[in-house]
Amino acid sequence: MPNLQHVENLLLRHRGQTIDVKTISGGVYEGIIADVTNDYVTLKRKGANGEADQVIIMLHSIESILTRDAR
């Protein structure tokens, strides 16, 4: 199992900010970092109906992370 400490640290550094995450399966997720553990990250996002949703992404499935500037 790879050591994902550097991914966890990066996500912790940007907690509360909006990011885009691309997974190795090809999924792309946008949201605000709500929670980070050594296994997963939880993103808060608005669903298609305008209600708040949460997406949980396992750290080992992350291919890339794009941080967005705070406005």
C-alpha atoms as a PDB file:
ATOM      1  CA  MET A   1       0.000   0.000   0.000  1.00  0.00           C
ATOM      2  CA  PRO A   2       1.466   3.391  -0.953  1.00  0.00           C
ATOM      3  CA  ASN A   3       2.132   6.029   1.686  1.00  0.00           C
ATOM      4  CA  LEU A   4      -0.474   8.735   1.121  1.00  0.00           C
ATOM      5  CA  GLN A   5       0.730  11.061   3.882  1.00  0.00           C
ATOM      6  CA  HIS A   6       1.731  13.759   1.379  1.00  0.00           C
ATOM      7  CA  VAL A   7      -1.775  13.724  -0.161  1.00  0.00           C
ATOM      8  CA  GLU A   8      -3.377  13.963   3.279  1.00  0.00           C
ATOM      9  CA  ASN A   9      -1.084  16.883   4.220  1.00  0.00           C
ATOM     10  CA  LEU A  10      -1.917  18.722   0.994  1.00  0.00           C
ATOM     11  CA  LEU A  11      -5.649  18.354   1.606  1.00  0.00           C
ATOM     12  CA  LEU A  12      -5.312  19.441   5.243  1.00  0.00           C
ATOM     13  CA  ARG A  13      -3.415  22.549   4.132  1.00  0.00           C
ATOM     14  CA  HIS A  14      -6.332  23.516   1.867  1.00  0.00           C
ATOM     15  CA  ARG A  15      -9.208  22.568   4.207  1.00  0.00           C
ATOM     16  CA  GLY A  16     -12.198  24.859   3.705  1.00  0.00           C
ATOM     17  CA  GLN A  17     -11.149  25.752   0.145  1.00  0.00           C
ATOM     18  CA  THR A  18     -12.705  24.669  -3.134  1.00  0.00           C
ATOM     19  CA  ILE A  19     -10.805  22.002  -5.059  1.00  0.00           C
ATOM     20  CA  ASP A  20     -11.269  19.781  -8.101  1.00  0.00           C
ATOM     21  CA  VAL A  21     -10.314  16.131  -7.713  1.00  0.00           C
ATOM     22  CA  LYS A  22      -9.770  13.692 -10.577  1.00  0.00           C
ATOM     23  CA  THR A  23      -9.842  10.015  -9.662  1.00  0.00           C
ATOM     24  CA  ILE A  24      -8.065   7.147 -11.393  1.00  0.00           C
ATOM     25  CA  SER A  25     -11.475   5.869 -12.574  1.00  0.00           C
ATOM     26  CA  GLY A  26     -11.988   9.133 -14.495  1.00  0.00           C
ATOM     27  CA  GLY A  27     -14.451  10.830 -12.140  1.00  0.00           C
ATOM     28  CA  VAL A  28     -14.061  14.572 -11.577  1.00  0.00           C
ATOM     29  CA  TYR A  29     -15.417  16.111  -8.381  1.00  0.00           C
ATOM     30  CA  GLU A  30     -15.587  19.742  -7.259  1.00  0.00           C
ATOM     31  CA  GLY A  31     -16.287  20.826  -3.721  1.00  0.00           C
ATOM     32  CA  ILE A  32     -15.133  22.420  -0.510  1.00  0.00           C
ATOM     33  CA  ILE A  33     -12.881  20.254   1.662  1.00  0.00           C
ATOM     34  CA  ALA A  34     -14.957  19.437   4.737  1.00  0.00           C
ATOM     35  CA  ASP A  35     -13.061  16.553   6.346  1.00  0.00           C
ATOM     36  CA  VAL A  36      -9.744  14.768   5.816  1.00  0.00           C
ATOM     37  CA  THR A  37      -8.575  11.500   7.351  1.00  0.00           C
ATOM     38  CA  ASN A  38      -5.702   9.201   6.501  1.00  0.00           C
ATOM     39  CA  ASP A  39      -8.139   7.213   4.284  1.00  0.00           C
ATOM     40  CA  TYR A  40     -10.517   9.685   2.649  1.00  0.00           C
ATOM     41  CA  VAL A  41     -11.503  13.289   1.951  1.00  0.00           C
ATOM     42  CA  THR A  42     -15.071  14.592   2.195  1.00  0.00           C
ATOM     43  CA  LEU A  43     -16.145  17.361  -0.180  1.00  0.00           C
ATOM     44  CA  LYS A  44     -19.239  19.515   0.349  1.00  0.00           C
ATOM     45  CA  ARG A  45     -20.962  20.514  -2.863  1.00  0.00           C
ATOM     46  CA  LYS A  46     -24.272  21.720  -4.232  1.00  0.00           C
ATOM     47  CA  GLY A  47     -26.335  19.045  -5.938  1.00  0.00           C
ATOM     48  CA  ALA A  48     -28.210  19.560  -9.208  1.00  0.00           C
ATOM     49  CA  ASN A  49     -31.349  20.383  -7.220  1.00  0.00           C
ATOM     50  CA  GLY A  50     -29.533  23.047  -5.178  1.00  0.00           C
ATOM     51  CA  GLU A  51     -29.360  20.974  -2.007  1.00  0.00           C
ATOM     52  CA  ALA A  52     -26.051  20.369  -0.233  1.00  0.00           C
ATOM     53  CA  ASP A  53     -24.402  17.009  -0.960  1.00  0.00           C
ATOM     54  CA  GLN A  54     -21.263  15.358   0.331  1.00  0.00           C
ATOM     55  CA  VAL A  55     -18.846  13.251  -1.679  1.00  0.00           C
ATOM     56  CA  ILE A  56     -16.365  10.929   0.008  1.00  0.00           C
ATOM     57  CA  ILE A  57     -13.249  10.091  -2.015  1.00  0.00           C
ATOM     58  CA  MET A  58     -10.723   7.489  -0.949  1.00  0.00           C
ATOM     59  CA  LEU A  59      -7.197   8.951  -0.991  1.00  0.00           C
ATOM     60  CA  HIS A  60      -5.731   5.981  -2.886  1.00  0.00           C
ATOM     61  CA  SER A  61      -8.137   6.676  -5.788  1.00  0.00           C
ATOM     62  CA  ILE A  62      -6.996  10.306  -6.328  1.00  0.00           C
ATOM     63  CA  GLU A  63      -5.065  10.962  -9.523  1.00  0.00           C
ATOM     64  CA  SER A  64      -4.840  14.761  -9.347  1.00  0.00           C
ATOM     65  CA  ILE A  65      -5.954  17.744  -7.253  1.00  0.00           C
ATOM     66  CA  LEU A  66      -6.524  21.275  -8.512  1.00  0.00           C
ATOM     67  CA  THR A  67      -6.851  23.977  -5.855  1.00  0.00           C
ATOM     68  CA  ARG A  68      -8.787  27.134  -6.587  1.00  0.00           C
ATOM     69  CA  ASP A  69      -7.956  30.656  -5.466  1.00  0.00           C
ATOM     70  CA  ALA A  70      -9.934  31.895  -2.486  1.00  0.00           C
ATOM     71  CA  ARG A  71     -12.128  34.798  -3.558  1.00  0.00           C
END
